[in-house]
Amino acid sequence: MRVLVACEYSGRVREAFRKRGHDAWSCDLLESEDGSPFHFQMDVLELLEGSELPGIKGWVRYPWDLIIAHPPCTDLAVSGARHFAEKIADGRQEKALGFVRDLMNAPALQICIENPISVISSKIRKPDQIIQPWQFGHGETKATCLWLKGLPKLIPTDIVEGREAKVHKMAPGPNRWKDRSRTYQGIADAMAKQWG
């Protein structure tokens, strides 16, 4: 199966699929955190449109079977609702919603859009599922919405004790946003096992 993990710099979801034998790639504006050669450092929409890419002769458009996308939540998440008026006024929120719509309409039969509780629910459509890390082996809370196309809901794999809001309580710092955006390994593994 050919899998594209959009807006992922960590490589966790990509590698979970690769370990199961899939032709999985990640794509992000940032370089891959794990230094993998299976990463496109570019705008994912340009990748989906198709173009000549280094190392792939005669690239037109790669036929992706599955796209899992983690669009940036900065201008969408309700945790930042106090800034919504400003983000609406200057167009940032609509631009972010447009990016989500483009990903939802990407050329693949199976698509998952992942984001925290956000305005995607009220401006585009409600999520198909809301999952928590504690359902997949991590004793933490972080409500994560999944908008699904052609995919079944994820089935919890390892319900554990603990309901710590570790991500919410992270100390401020220059890498806080990166640390908060990494997919939990248990969720990445469940996606690869159940959707691969």
N, C-alpha and C. Protein backbone atom coordinates (compact mmCIF):
# COMPACT_ATOMS: atom_id res chain seq x y z
N MET A 1 0.84 -1.17 0.00
CA MET A 1 0.00 0.00 0.00
C MET A 1 0.89 1.24 0.00
N ARG A 2 0.53 2.24 -0.79
CA ARG A 2 1.26 3.50 -0.81
C ARG A 2 0.60 4.48 0.14
N VAL A 3 1.36 4.94 1.12
CA VAL A 3 0.82 5.76 2.19
C VAL A 3 1.57 7.08 2.24
N LEU A 4 0.84 8.18 2.31
CA LEU A 4 1.42 9.50 2.50
C LEU A 4 0.97 10.04 3.85
N VAL A 5 1.92 10.41 4.69
CA VAL A 5 1.61 11.03 5.98
C VAL A 5 1.96 12.50 5.83
N ALA A 6 0.94 13.31 5.69
CA ALA A 6 1.12 14.74 5.42
C ALA A 6 1.27 15.53 6.71
N CYS A 7 2.11 16.54 6.66
CA CYS A 7 2.36 17.44 7.79
C CYS A 7 2.91 16.65 8.98
N GLU A 8 3.84 15.78 8.70
CA GLU A 8 4.50 14.99 9.75
C GLU A 8 6.02 15.12 9.60
N TYR A 9 6.66 15.68 10.60
CA TYR A 9 8.12 15.79 10.59
C TYR A 9 8.76 14.71 11.45
N SER A 10 8.00 14.13 12.39
CA SER A 10 8.58 13.17 13.35
C SER A 10 8.85 11.80 12.72
N GLY A 11 8.04 11.42 11.76
CA GLY A 11 8.21 10.11 11.12
C GLY A 11 7.54 8.97 11.85
N ARG A 12 6.83 9.24 12.94
CA ARG A 12 6.25 8.14 13.73
C ARG A 12 5.21 7.34 12.97
N VAL A 13 4.27 8.04 12.32
CA VAL A 13 3.23 7.32 11.59
C VAL A 13 3.84 6.66 10.35
N ARG A 14 4.70 7.39 9.64
CA ARG A 14 5.36 6.82 8.46
C ARG A 14 6.09 5.53 8.80
N GLU A 15 6.88 5.57 9.86
CA GLU A 15 7.67 4.40 10.23
C GLU A 15 6.80 3.24 10.72
N ALA A 16 5.67 3.54 11.36
CA ALA A 16 4.77 2.47 11.79
C ALA A 16 4.26 1.70 10.56
N PHE A 17 3.95 2.41 9.48
CA PHE A 17 3.51 1.75 8.25
C PHE A 17 4.67 1.04 7.56
N ARG A 18 5.84 1.66 7.52
CA ARG A 18 7.00 1.04 6.86
C ARG A 18 7.39 -0.27 7.55
N LYS A 19 7.28 -0.31 8.88
CA LYS A 19 7.61 -1.53 9.63
C LYS A 19 6.66 -2.67 9.28
N ARG A 20 5.49 -2.33 8.78
CA ARG A 20 4.52 -3.36 8.37
C ARG A 20 4.60 -3.64 6.87
N GLY A 21 5.64 -3.11 6.21
CA GLY A 21 5.89 -3.43 4.82
C GLY A 21 5.26 -2.52 3.78
N HIS A 22 4.73 -1.39 4.19
CA HIS A 22 4.08 -0.48 3.25
C HIS A 22 5.07 0.54 2.69
N ASP A 23 4.76 1.05 1.51
CA ASP A 23 5.56 2.09 0.85
C ASP A 23 5.06 3.43 1.40
N ALA A 24 5.54 3.78 2.58
CA ALA A 24 5.04 4.96 3.29
C ALA A 24 6.06 6.10 3.24
N TRP A 25 5.54 7.31 3.05
CA TRP A 25 6.35 8.53 2.97
C TRP A 25 5.71 9.59 3.84
N SER A 26 6.53 10.47 4.37
CA SER A 26 6.02 11.64 5.09
C SER A 26 6.34 12.88 4.28
N CYS A 27 5.63 13.95 4.58
CA CYS A 27 5.84 15.22 3.88
C CYS A 27 5.57 16.35 4.86
N ASP A 28 6.48 17.31 4.91
CA ASP A 28 6.33 18.45 5.80
C ASP A 28 7.22 19.57 5.29
N LEU A 29 6.91 20.79 5.69
CA LEU A 29 7.79 21.92 5.37
C LEU A 29 9.10 21.81 6.14
N LEU A 30 9.05 21.11 7.28
CA LEU A 30 10.25 20.88 8.09
C LEU A 30 10.97 19.63 7.61
N GLU A 31 12.27 19.56 7.87
CA GLU A 31 12.99 18.33 7.55
C GLU A 31 12.57 17.24 8.52
N SER A 32 12.78 16.01 8.12
CA SER A 32 12.39 14.88 8.94
C SER A 32 13.26 14.81 10.20
N GLU A 33 12.61 14.67 11.33
CA GLU A 33 13.30 14.60 12.62
C GLU A 33 14.21 13.38 12.71
N ASP A 34 13.84 12.30 12.03
CA ASP A 34 14.62 11.07 12.12
C ASP A 34 15.60 10.91 10.95
N GLY A 35 15.70 11.93 10.09
CA GLY A 35 16.66 11.89 8.99
C GLY A 35 16.33 10.87 7.90
N SER A 36 15.11 10.42 7.83
CA SER A 36 14.70 9.38 6.89
C SER A 36 14.77 9.86 5.44
N PRO A 37 15.19 8.97 4.53
CA PRO A 37 15.13 9.32 3.11
C PRO A 37 13.71 9.22 2.54
N PHE A 38 12.78 8.73 3.35
CA PHE A 38 11.40 8.56 2.90
C PHE A 38 10.54 9.76 3.34
N HIS A 39 11.08 10.94 3.13
CA HIS A 39 10.43 12.18 3.56
C HIS A 39 10.60 13.24 2.48
N PHE A 40 9.50 13.88 2.13
CA PHE A 40 9.54 15.01 1.21
C PHE A 40 9.49 16.30 2.04
N GLN A 41 10.50 17.13 1.93
CA GLN A 41 10.47 18.42 2.61
C GLN A 41 9.96 19.45 1.62
N MET A 42 8.64 19.63 1.64
CA MET A 42 7.99 20.52 0.68
C MET A 42 6.53 20.70 1.08
N ASP A 43 5.85 21.57 0.37
CA ASP A 43 4.43 21.79 0.55
C ASP A 43 3.68 20.56 0.06
N VAL A 44 2.89 19.95 0.91
CA VAL A 44 2.19 18.72 0.55
C VAL A 44 1.22 18.93 -0.61
N LEU A 45 0.64 20.12 -0.75
CA LEU A 45 -0.28 20.36 -1.86
C LEU A 45 0.46 20.33 -3.20
N GLU A 46 1.69 20.82 -3.22
CA GLU A 46 2.50 20.72 -4.44
C GLU A 46 2.80 19.25 -4.75
N LEU A 47 3.07 18.48 -3.72
CA LEU A 47 3.33 17.05 -3.91
C LEU A 47 2.10 16.37 -4.48
N LEU A 48 0.92 16.70 -3.96
CA LEU A 48 -0.32 16.06 -4.41
C LEU A 48 -0.69 16.49 -5.83
N GLU A 49 -0.30 17.70 -6.22
CA GLU A 49 -0.57 18.17 -7.58
C GLU A 49 0.29 17.43 -8.59
N GLY A 50 1.47 16.98 -8.14
CA GLY A 50 2.38 16.28 -9.02
C GLY A 50 3.37 17.23 -9.65
N SER A 51 4.62 16.86 -9.62
CA SER A 51 5.67 17.68 -10.21
C SER A 51 6.92 16.83 -10.35
N GLU A 52 7.94 17.39 -10.98
CA GLU A 52 9.21 16.70 -11.10
C GLU A 52 9.91 16.80 -9.76
N LEU A 53 10.22 15.67 -9.16
CA LEU A 53 10.86 15.66 -7.85
C LEU A 53 12.25 15.06 -7.93
N PRO A 54 13.18 15.57 -7.12
CA PRO A 54 14.54 15.02 -7.12
C PRO A 54 14.53 13.54 -6.79
N GLY A 55 15.27 12.77 -7.57
CA GLY A 55 15.41 11.34 -7.28
C GLY A 55 14.30 10.47 -7.83
N ILE A 56 13.25 11.09 -8.38
CA ILE A 56 12.15 10.30 -8.95
C ILE A 56 11.95 10.77 -10.38
N LYS A 57 12.52 10.05 -11.30
CA LYS A 57 12.50 10.44 -12.71
C LYS A 57 11.08 10.37 -13.28
N GLY A 58 10.71 11.43 -13.99
CA GLY A 58 9.43 11.46 -14.67
C GLY A 58 8.22 11.48 -13.75
N TRP A 59 8.39 12.02 -12.55
CA TRP A 59 7.30 12.08 -11.58
C TRP A 59 6.12 12.84 -12.18
N VAL A 60 4.94 12.29 -12.08
CA VAL A 60 3.74 13.00 -12.48
C VAL A 60 2.86 13.15 -11.24
N ARG A 61 2.29 12.09 -10.80
CA ARG A 61 1.56 12.08 -9.53
C ARG A 61 1.62 10.68 -8.97
N TYR A 62 2.06 10.58 -7.75
CA TYR A 62 2.16 9.28 -7.11
C TYR A 62 0.75 8.84 -6.74
N PRO A 63 0.34 7.63 -7.07
CA PRO A 63 -1.01 7.19 -6.70
C PRO A 63 -1.06 6.74 -5.24
N TRP A 64 -1.50 7.60 -4.35
CA TRP A 64 -1.56 7.28 -2.92
C TRP A 64 -2.81 6.48 -2.63
N ASP A 65 -2.66 5.38 -1.91
CA ASP A 65 -3.81 4.58 -1.48
C ASP A 65 -4.43 5.16 -0.22
N LEU A 66 -3.58 5.72 0.63
CA LEU A 66 -4.01 6.24 1.92
C LEU A 66 -3.24 7.51 2.24
N ILE A 67 -3.96 8.53 2.67
CA ILE A 67 -3.33 9.77 3.13
C ILE A 67 -3.78 10.01 4.56
N ILE A 68 -2.81 10.18 5.45
CA ILE A 68 -3.08 10.56 6.83
C ILE A 68 -2.47 11.94 7.01
N ALA A 69 -3.29 12.92 7.32
CA ALA A 69 -2.82 14.31 7.37
C ALA A 69 -3.01 14.90 8.76
N HIS A 70 -1.99 15.63 9.17
CA HIS A 70 -1.98 16.32 10.47
C HIS A 70 -1.83 17.82 10.22
N PRO A 71 -2.85 18.49 9.67
CA PRO A 71 -2.69 19.90 9.35
C PRO A 71 -2.41 20.73 10.61
N PRO A 72 -1.60 21.78 10.49
CA PRO A 72 -1.30 22.61 11.66
C PRO A 72 -2.58 23.12 12.32
N CYS A 73 -2.61 23.04 13.65
CA CYS A 73 -3.82 23.41 14.39
C CYS A 73 -3.77 24.82 14.96
N THR A 74 -2.67 25.53 14.74
CA THR A 74 -2.46 26.85 15.35
C THR A 74 -3.65 27.79 15.17
N ASP A 75 -4.24 27.82 13.99
CA ASP A 75 -5.34 28.75 13.72
C ASP A 75 -6.71 28.08 13.78
N LEU A 76 -6.74 26.81 14.22
CA LEU A 76 -7.98 26.04 14.22
C LEU A 76 -8.43 25.56 15.59
N ALA A 77 -7.50 25.19 16.45
CA ALA A 77 -7.83 24.55 17.73
C ALA A 77 -8.58 25.49 18.66
N VAL A 78 -9.59 24.95 19.32
CA VAL A 78 -10.38 25.78 20.25
C VAL A 78 -9.57 26.17 21.48
N SER A 79 -8.45 25.51 21.72
CA SER A 79 -7.60 25.91 22.84
C SER A 79 -7.07 27.33 22.64
N GLY A 80 -7.09 27.81 21.40
CA GLY A 80 -6.65 29.19 21.12
C GLY A 80 -7.81 30.10 20.76
N ALA A 81 -9.01 29.76 21.22
CA ALA A 81 -10.21 30.52 20.85
C ALA A 81 -10.13 32.01 21.20
N ARG A 82 -9.37 32.35 22.23
CA ARG A 82 -9.28 33.76 22.60
C ARG A 82 -8.65 34.61 21.49
N HIS A 83 -7.99 33.96 20.54
CA HIS A 83 -7.35 34.67 19.43
C HIS A 83 -8.16 34.56 18.13
N PHE A 84 -9.33 33.92 18.18
CA PHE A 84 -10.09 33.69 16.96
C PHE A 84 -10.49 34.97 16.23
N ALA A 85 -10.91 35.99 16.95
CA ALA A 85 -11.35 37.24 16.29
C ALA A 85 -10.24 37.79 15.41
N GLU A 86 -9.03 37.80 15.93
CA GLU A 86 -7.88 38.29 15.17
C GLU A 86 -7.59 37.38 13.98
N LYS A 87 -7.67 36.07 14.18
CA LYS A 87 -7.35 35.12 13.12
C LYS A 87 -8.42 35.10 12.03
N ILE A 88 -9.65 35.42 12.39
CA ILE A 88 -10.71 35.53 11.39
C ILE A 88 -10.53 36.83 10.61
N ALA A 89 -10.26 37.91 11.32
CA ALA A 89 -10.12 39.23 10.69
C ALA A 89 -8.97 39.27 9.68
N ASP A 90 -7.86 38.64 10.01
CA ASP A 90 -6.71 38.71 9.09
C ASP A 90 -6.66 37.54 8.09
N GLY A 91 -7.67 36.65 8.13
CA GLY A 91 -7.78 35.59 7.14
C GLY A 91 -7.02 34.31 7.45
N ARG A 92 -6.30 34.27 8.57
CA ARG A 92 -5.52 33.07 8.88
C ARG A 92 -6.39 31.84 9.07
N GLN A 93 -7.52 32.02 9.77
CA GLN A 93 -8.36 30.85 10.03
C GLN A 93 -8.96 30.30 8.74
N GLU A 94 -9.43 31.17 7.87
CA GLU A 94 -10.01 30.69 6.60
C GLU A 94 -8.95 30.03 5.73
N LYS A 95 -7.73 30.55 5.75
CA LYS A 95 -6.64 29.92 5.00
C LYS A 95 -6.36 28.51 5.54
N ALA A 96 -6.35 28.37 6.87
CA ALA A 96 -6.12 27.07 7.50
C ALA A 96 -7.26 26.10 7.16
N LEU A 97 -8.50 26.60 7.17
CA LEU A 97 -9.65 25.76 6.81
C LEU A 97 -9.59 25.36 5.34
N GLY A 98 -9.14 26.26 4.48
CA GLY A 98 -8.97 25.94 3.06
C GLY A 98 -7.96 24.82 2.86
N PHE A 99 -6.88 24.85 3.65
CA PHE A 99 -5.86 23.80 3.58
C PHE A 99 -6.46 22.46 3.99
N VAL A 100 -7.28 22.46 5.04
CA VAL A 100 -7.94 21.22 5.49
C VAL A 100 -8.87 20.70 4.39
N ARG A 101 -9.64 21.60 3.77
CA ARG A 101 -10.54 21.17 2.69
C ARG A 101 -9.75 20.54 1.52
N ASP A 102 -8.61 21.17 1.18
CA ASP A 102 -7.78 20.62 0.11
C ASP A 102 -7.29 19.22 0.46
N LEU A 103 -6.90 19.01 1.71
CA LEU A 103 -6.45 17.68 2.14
C LEU A 103 -7.60 16.68 2.12
N MET A 104 -8.79 17.11 2.55
CA MET A 104 -9.96 16.22 2.54
C MET A 104 -10.33 15.80 1.11
N ASN A 105 -10.03 16.66 0.15
CA ASN A 105 -10.36 16.38 -1.25
C ASN A 105 -9.17 15.86 -2.05
N ALA A 106 -8.13 15.42 -1.37
CA ALA A 106 -6.92 14.92 -2.02
C ALA A 106 -7.24 13.66 -2.84
N PRO A 107 -6.39 13.37 -3.83
CA PRO A 107 -6.64 12.20 -4.69
C PRO A 107 -6.25 10.88 -4.03
N ALA A 108 -7.11 10.41 -3.15
CA ALA A 108 -6.92 9.11 -2.49
C ALA A 108 -8.29 8.60 -2.06
N LEU A 109 -8.48 7.30 -2.10
CA LEU A 109 -9.76 6.73 -1.69
C LEU A 109 -9.90 6.67 -0.18
N GLN A 110 -8.75 6.64 0.53
CA GLN A 110 -8.77 6.57 1.99
C GLN A 110 -8.00 7.77 2.54
N ILE A 111 -8.67 8.53 3.40
CA ILE A 111 -8.06 9.73 3.97
C ILE A 111 -8.44 9.84 5.44
N CYS A 112 -7.47 10.22 6.26
CA CYS A 112 -7.70 10.57 7.66
C CYS A 112 -7.11 11.95 7.89
N ILE A 113 -7.93 12.84 8.40
CA ILE A 113 -7.46 14.16 8.85
C ILE A 113 -7.48 14.11 10.37
N GLU A 114 -6.35 14.44 10.99
CA GLU A 114 -6.21 14.39 12.46
C GLU A 114 -5.98 15.80 12.97
N ASN A 115 -6.70 16.17 14.02
CA ASN A 115 -6.56 17.49 14.63
C ASN A 115 -7.19 17.46 16.01
N PRO A 116 -6.78 18.37 16.90
CA PRO A 116 -7.46 18.45 18.19
C PRO A 116 -8.87 19.02 18.00
N ILE A 117 -9.58 19.18 19.10
CA ILE A 117 -10.90 19.80 19.04
C ILE A 117 -10.71 21.17 18.39
N SER A 118 -11.45 21.41 17.29
CA SER A 118 -11.18 22.62 16.52
C SER A 118 -12.43 23.10 15.79
N VAL A 119 -12.26 24.22 15.08
CA VAL A 119 -13.36 24.78 14.30
C VAL A 119 -13.65 23.98 13.03
N ILE A 120 -12.83 22.99 12.74
CA ILE A 120 -13.14 22.10 11.61
C ILE A 120 -14.53 21.50 11.84
N SER A 121 -14.84 21.18 13.09
CA SER A 121 -16.13 20.57 13.44
C SER A 121 -17.31 21.46 13.11
N SER A 122 -17.18 22.77 13.30
CA SER A 122 -18.29 23.68 13.06
C SER A 122 -18.25 24.31 11.68
N LYS A 123 -17.09 24.44 11.08
CA LYS A 123 -16.96 25.12 9.79
C LYS A 123 -16.96 24.16 8.59
N ILE A 124 -16.58 22.89 8.82
CA ILE A 124 -16.56 21.93 7.71
C ILE A 124 -17.51 20.78 8.02
N ARG A 125 -17.17 19.96 9.01
CA ARG A 125 -18.08 18.90 9.46
C ARG A 125 -17.56 18.30 10.75
N LYS A 126 -18.44 17.63 11.45
CA LYS A 126 -18.08 16.98 12.71
C LYS A 126 -17.12 15.83 12.43
N PRO A 127 -16.23 15.51 13.39
CA PRO A 127 -15.31 14.38 13.19
C PRO A 127 -16.07 13.06 13.23
N ASP A 128 -15.49 12.07 12.62
CA ASP A 128 -16.08 10.73 12.65
C ASP A 128 -15.77 10.02 13.96
N GLN A 129 -14.68 10.45 14.60
CA GLN A 129 -14.24 9.78 15.83
C GLN A 129 -13.36 10.73 16.64
N ILE A 130 -13.43 10.60 17.96
CA ILE A 130 -12.52 11.29 18.87
C ILE A 130 -11.83 10.23 19.70
N ILE A 131 -10.50 10.22 19.65
CA ILE A 131 -9.73 9.22 20.37
C ILE A 131 -8.88 9.88 21.45
N GLN A 132 -8.38 9.07 22.38
CA GLN A 132 -7.52 9.54 23.46
C GLN A 132 -6.28 8.64 23.53
N PRO A 133 -5.13 9.19 23.91
CA PRO A 133 -3.92 8.36 24.04
C PRO A 133 -4.09 7.18 24.99
N TRP A 134 -4.90 7.35 26.08
CA TRP A 134 -5.06 6.27 27.05
C TRP A 134 -5.78 5.05 26.46
N GLN A 135 -6.37 5.21 25.28
CA GLN A 135 -7.00 4.07 24.61
C GLN A 135 -5.97 3.24 23.83
N PHE A 136 -4.74 3.78 23.73
CA PHE A 136 -3.71 3.15 22.90
C PHE A 136 -2.39 3.01 23.66
N GLY A 137 -2.48 2.81 24.99
CA GLY A 137 -1.30 2.48 25.78
C GLY A 137 -0.57 3.63 26.44
N HIS A 138 -1.08 4.85 26.35
CA HIS A 138 -0.43 6.01 26.97
C HIS A 138 -1.37 6.61 28.02
N GLY A 139 -0.94 6.67 29.25
CA GLY A 139 -1.80 7.15 30.33
C GLY A 139 -1.97 8.66 30.36
N GLU A 140 -2.41 9.20 29.26
CA GLU A 140 -2.54 10.66 29.12
C GLU A 140 -3.84 11.01 28.41
N THR A 141 -4.23 12.26 28.54
CA THR A 141 -5.39 12.77 27.82
C THR A 141 -4.92 13.76 26.75
N LYS A 142 -5.52 13.66 25.60
CA LYS A 142 -5.34 14.61 24.50
C LYS A 142 -6.38 14.24 23.47
N ALA A 143 -7.56 14.86 23.60
CA ALA A 143 -8.65 14.55 22.68
C ALA A 143 -8.20 14.83 21.25
N THR A 144 -8.28 13.80 20.41
CA THR A 144 -7.82 13.90 19.04
C THR A 144 -8.96 13.50 18.11
N CYS A 145 -9.35 14.42 17.23
CA CYS A 145 -10.44 14.17 16.31
C CYS A 145 -9.91 13.55 15.02
N LEU A 146 -10.69 12.64 14.46
CA LEU A 146 -10.36 12.02 13.18
C LEU A 146 -11.52 12.22 12.22
N TRP A 147 -11.24 12.82 11.08
CA TRP A 147 -12.20 12.94 10.00
C TRP A 147 -11.79 11.88 8.98
N LEU A 148 -12.67 10.92 8.72
CA LEU A 148 -12.32 9.73 7.94
C LEU A 148 -13.06 9.67 6.61
N LYS A 149 -12.35 9.20 5.60
CA LYS A 149 -12.95 8.92 4.29
C LYS A 149 -12.47 7.54 3.87
N GLY A 150 -13.41 6.61 3.71
CA GLY A 150 -13.06 5.26 3.26
C GLY A 150 -12.31 4.43 4.29
N LEU A 151 -12.33 4.84 5.55
CA LEU A 151 -11.61 4.14 6.61
C LEU A 151 -12.55 3.82 7.77
N PRO A 152 -12.34 2.69 8.44
CA PRO A 152 -13.13 2.41 9.65
C PRO A 152 -12.59 3.21 10.83
N LYS A 153 -13.40 3.35 11.85
CA LYS A 153 -12.93 3.99 13.08
C LYS A 153 -11.83 3.13 13.70
N LEU A 154 -10.89 3.79 14.36
CA LEU A 154 -9.84 3.05 15.05
C LEU A 154 -10.42 2.34 16.27
N ILE A 155 -10.01 1.13 16.48
CA ILE A 155 -10.43 0.36 17.65
C ILE A 155 -9.33 0.49 18.71
N PRO A 156 -9.69 0.88 19.95
CA PRO A 156 -8.67 0.97 21.00
C PRO A 156 -7.90 -0.34 21.13
N THR A 157 -6.60 -0.22 21.34
CA THR A 157 -5.74 -1.41 21.38
C THR A 157 -5.21 -1.74 22.77
N ASP A 158 -5.17 -0.73 23.66
CA ASP A 158 -4.57 -0.95 24.97
C ASP A 158 -5.06 0.14 25.92
N ILE A 159 -6.23 -0.07 26.50
CA ILE A 159 -6.79 0.91 27.43
C ILE A 159 -6.03 0.82 28.75
N VAL A 160 -5.45 1.94 29.16
CA VAL A 160 -4.61 1.96 30.37
C VAL A 160 -5.14 2.97 31.37
N GLU A 161 -4.68 2.81 32.60
CA GLU A 161 -5.02 3.76 33.66
C GLU A 161 -4.25 5.05 33.43
N GLY A 162 -4.68 6.08 34.09
CA GLY A 162 -3.99 7.36 33.99
C GLY A 162 -4.71 8.30 33.05
N ARG A 163 -4.90 9.49 33.51
CA ARG A 163 -5.59 10.50 32.70
C ARG A 163 -4.86 11.83 32.86
N GLU A 164 -3.53 11.79 32.75
CA GLU A 164 -2.73 13.00 32.93
C GLU A 164 -2.78 13.86 31.67
N ALA A 165 -2.99 15.16 31.85
CA ALA A 165 -3.01 16.10 30.73
C ALA A 165 -1.59 16.62 30.48
N LYS A 166 -0.69 15.69 30.19
CA LYS A 166 0.73 16.01 30.05
C LYS A 166 0.99 17.05 28.95
N VAL A 167 0.36 16.87 27.80
CA VAL A 167 0.57 17.79 26.68
C VAL A 167 0.09 19.19 27.04
N HIS A 168 -1.06 19.27 27.70
CA HIS A 168 -1.62 20.57 28.09
C HIS A 168 -0.72 21.29 29.10
N LYS A 169 -0.05 20.52 29.93
CA LYS A 169 0.77 21.11 31.00
C LYS A 169 2.23 21.35 30.61
N MET A 170 2.58 21.12 29.35
CA MET A 170 3.97 21.33 28.94
C MET A 170 4.40 22.77 29.19
N ALA A 171 5.62 22.92 29.66
CA ALA A 171 6.15 24.26 29.94
C ALA A 171 6.33 25.03 28.64
N PRO A 172 6.17 26.35 28.70
CA PRO A 172 6.41 27.17 27.51
C PRO A 172 7.86 27.03 27.04
N GLY A 173 8.05 27.20 25.77
CA GLY A 173 9.40 27.13 25.21
C GLY A 173 9.34 27.13 23.70
N PRO A 174 10.49 27.29 23.05
CA PRO A 174 10.52 27.40 21.59
C PRO A 174 10.09 26.12 20.86
N ASN A 175 10.21 24.96 21.50
CA ASN A 175 9.84 23.71 20.84
C ASN A 175 8.55 23.10 21.37
N ARG A 176 7.82 23.85 22.17
CA ARG A 176 6.58 23.33 22.75
C ARG A 176 5.61 22.87 21.67
N TRP A 177 5.46 23.66 20.63
CA TRP A 177 4.52 23.31 19.56
C TRP A 177 4.93 22.01 18.87
N LYS A 178 6.24 21.80 18.70
CA LYS A 178 6.70 20.56 18.06
C LYS A 178 6.45 19.36 18.97
N ASP A 179 6.76 19.53 20.25
CA ASP A 179 6.58 18.43 21.20
C ASP A 179 5.10 18.07 21.34
N ARG A 180 4.23 19.07 21.28
CA ARG A 180 2.79 18.82 21.40
C ARG A 180 2.20 18.17 20.15
N SER A 181 2.87 18.33 19.02
CA SER A 181 2.28 17.85 17.77
C SER A 181 2.64 16.41 17.41
N ARG A 182 3.57 15.80 18.12
CA ARG A 182 3.97 14.42 17.79
C ARG A 182 2.83 13.44 18.07
N THR A 183 2.62 12.53 17.14
CA THR A 183 1.61 11.49 17.31
C THR A 183 2.12 10.47 18.33
N TYR A 184 1.26 10.06 19.22
CA TYR A 184 1.62 9.02 20.19
C TYR A 184 1.90 7.72 19.44
N GLN A 185 2.94 7.01 19.86
CA GLN A 185 3.36 5.79 19.17
C GLN A 185 2.25 4.75 19.12
N GLY A 186 1.50 4.61 20.21
CA GLY A 186 0.41 3.63 20.23
C GLY A 186 -0.66 3.93 19.19
N ILE A 187 -0.93 5.21 18.96
CA ILE A 187 -1.91 5.59 17.94
C ILE A 187 -1.34 5.33 16.54
N ALA A 188 -0.07 5.69 16.34
CA ALA A 188 0.58 5.43 15.04
C ALA A 188 0.56 3.93 14.72
N ASP A 189 0.88 3.11 15.71
CA ASP A 189 0.89 1.65 15.51
C ASP A 189 -0.51 1.12 15.20
N ALA A 190 -1.52 1.67 15.87
CA ALA A 190 -2.90 1.24 15.62
C ALA A 190 -3.33 1.61 14.20
N MET A 191 -2.96 2.80 13.75
CA MET A 191 -3.30 3.21 12.37
C MET A 191 -2.67 2.25 11.37
N ALA A 192 -1.39 1.92 11.57
CA ALA A 192 -0.69 1.04 10.63
C ALA A 192 -1.29 -0.37 10.63
N LYS A 193 -1.61 -0.87 11.81
CA LYS A 193 -2.14 -2.24 11.91
C LYS A 193 -3.56 -2.32 11.37
N GLN A 194 -4.40 -1.35 11.73
CA GLN A 194 -5.82 -1.43 11.38
C GLN A 194 -6.13 -0.90 9.99
N TRP A 195 -5.38 0.09 9.52
CA TRP A 195 -5.65 0.68 8.20
C TRP A 195 -4.71 0.16 7.13
N GLY A 196 -3.64 -0.52 7.52
CA GLY A 196 -2.68 -1.02 6.54
C GLY A 196 -3.02 -2.41 6.09
